[in-house]
C-alpha atoms as a PDB file:
ATOM      1  CA  ALA A   1       3.675  48.495  63.318  1.00  0.00           C
ATOM      2  CA  GLY A   2       7.342  47.651  63.476  1.00  0.00           C
ATOM      3  CA  GLY A   3      10.276  47.046  65.703  1.00  0.00           C
ATOM      4  CA  TYR A   4      13.973  47.465  66.053  1.00  0.00           C
ATOM      5  CA  ASP A   5      16.239  44.648  67.033  1.00  0.00           C
ATOM      6  CA  LEU A   6      19.906  45.359  67.546  1.00  0.00           C
ATOM      7  CA  MET A   7      20.792  41.901  66.238  1.00  0.00           C
ATOM      8  CA  ASP A   8      18.617  39.229  64.718  1.00  0.00           C
ATOM      9  CA  ILE A   9      18.322  35.717  66.118  1.00  0.00           C
ATOM     10  CA  VAL A  10      20.352  34.189  63.252  1.00  0.00           C
ATOM     11  CA  ALA A  11      23.317  36.487  63.985  1.00  0.00           C
ATOM     12  CA  LEU A  12      23.137  35.651  67.694  1.00  0.00           C
ATOM     13  CA  LYS A  13      23.035  31.916  66.946  1.00  0.00           C
ATOM     14  CA  ILE A  14      26.125  32.221  64.716  1.00  0.00           C
ATOM     15  CA  ILE A  15      27.964  34.157  67.445  1.00  0.00           C
ATOM     16  CA  GLU A  16      26.935  31.542  70.010  1.00  0.00           C
ATOM     17  CA  ARG A  17      27.813  28.513  67.877  1.00  0.00           C
ATOM     18  CA  SER A  18      31.141  29.940  66.703  1.00  0.00           C
ATOM     19  CA  LYS A  19      32.075  31.388  70.119  1.00  0.00           C
ATOM     20  CA  ILE A  20      32.948  34.696  68.421  1.00  0.00           C
ATOM     21  CA  LYS A  21      33.942  37.470  70.825  1.00  0.00           C
ATOM     22  CA  THR A  22      31.504  40.281  70.052  1.00  0.00           C
ATOM     23  CA  ARG A  23      31.148  43.894  71.170  1.00  0.00           C
ATOM     24  CA  ILE A  24      28.583  46.501  70.212  1.00  0.00           C
ATOM     25  CA  ILE A  25      30.297  49.866  69.785  1.00  0.00           C
ATOM     26  CA  LYS A  26      29.286  53.351  68.742  1.00  0.00           C
ATOM     27  CA  ALA A  27      30.225  54.330  65.185  1.00  0.00           C
ATOM     28  CA  ASP A  28      32.541  57.126  66.290  1.00  0.00           C
ATOM     29  CA  ILE A  29      36.074  57.329  64.859  1.00  0.00           C
ATOM     30  CA  LYS A  30      37.777  57.773  68.263  1.00  0.00           C
ATOM     31  CA  ILE A  31      35.903  54.814  69.748  1.00  0.00           C
ATOM     32  CA  LEU A  32      36.612  52.668  66.680  1.00  0.00           C
ATOM     33  CA  GLU A  33      40.327  53.499  66.901  1.00  0.00           C
ATOM     34  CA  LYS A  34      40.377  52.563  70.581  1.00  0.00           C
ATOM     35  CA  ALA A  35      38.582  49.272  69.822  1.00  0.00           C
ATOM     36  CA  ILE A  36      41.048  48.414  67.045  1.00  0.00           C
ATOM     37  CA  LYS A  37      43.906  49.005  69.489  1.00  0.00           C
ATOM     38  CA  GLY A  38      42.320  46.547  71.921  1.00  0.00           C
ATOM     39  CA  GLY A  39      40.680  49.067  74.226  1.00  0.00           C
ATOM     40  CA  ASP A  40      37.790  48.077  76.468  1.00  0.00           C
ATOM     41  CA  VAL A  41      34.952  49.937  74.730  1.00  0.00           C
ATOM     42  CA  GLY A  42      31.335  49.170  73.971  1.00  0.00           C
ATOM     43  CA  THR A  43      29.165  46.400  75.310  1.00  0.00           C
ATOM     44  CA  GLU A  44      30.399  42.826  75.235  1.00  0.00           C
ATOM     45  CA  ILE A  45      27.885  40.136  74.327  1.00  0.00           C
ATOM     46  CA  VAL A  46      28.229  37.330  76.855  1.00  0.00           C
ATOM     47  CA  LEU A  47      26.299  34.167  76.103  1.00  0.00           C
ATOM     48  CA  PRO A  48      25.786  31.457  78.724  1.00  0.00           C
ATOM     49  CA  SER A  49      27.922  28.370  78.285  1.00  0.00           C
ATOM     50  CA  LYS A  50      26.098  25.093  77.835  1.00  0.00           C
END
């Protein structure tokens, strides 16, 4: 009846093609502040190199 995808295939292809460093983080102000300051938070998307 439906589904939930964290990211669609087009977004993943853009990230892969552009080699954009990407992290999935919780929308919490403290976590966002830590991420902005360069903290190691969230889940990093690591794509295999070709």
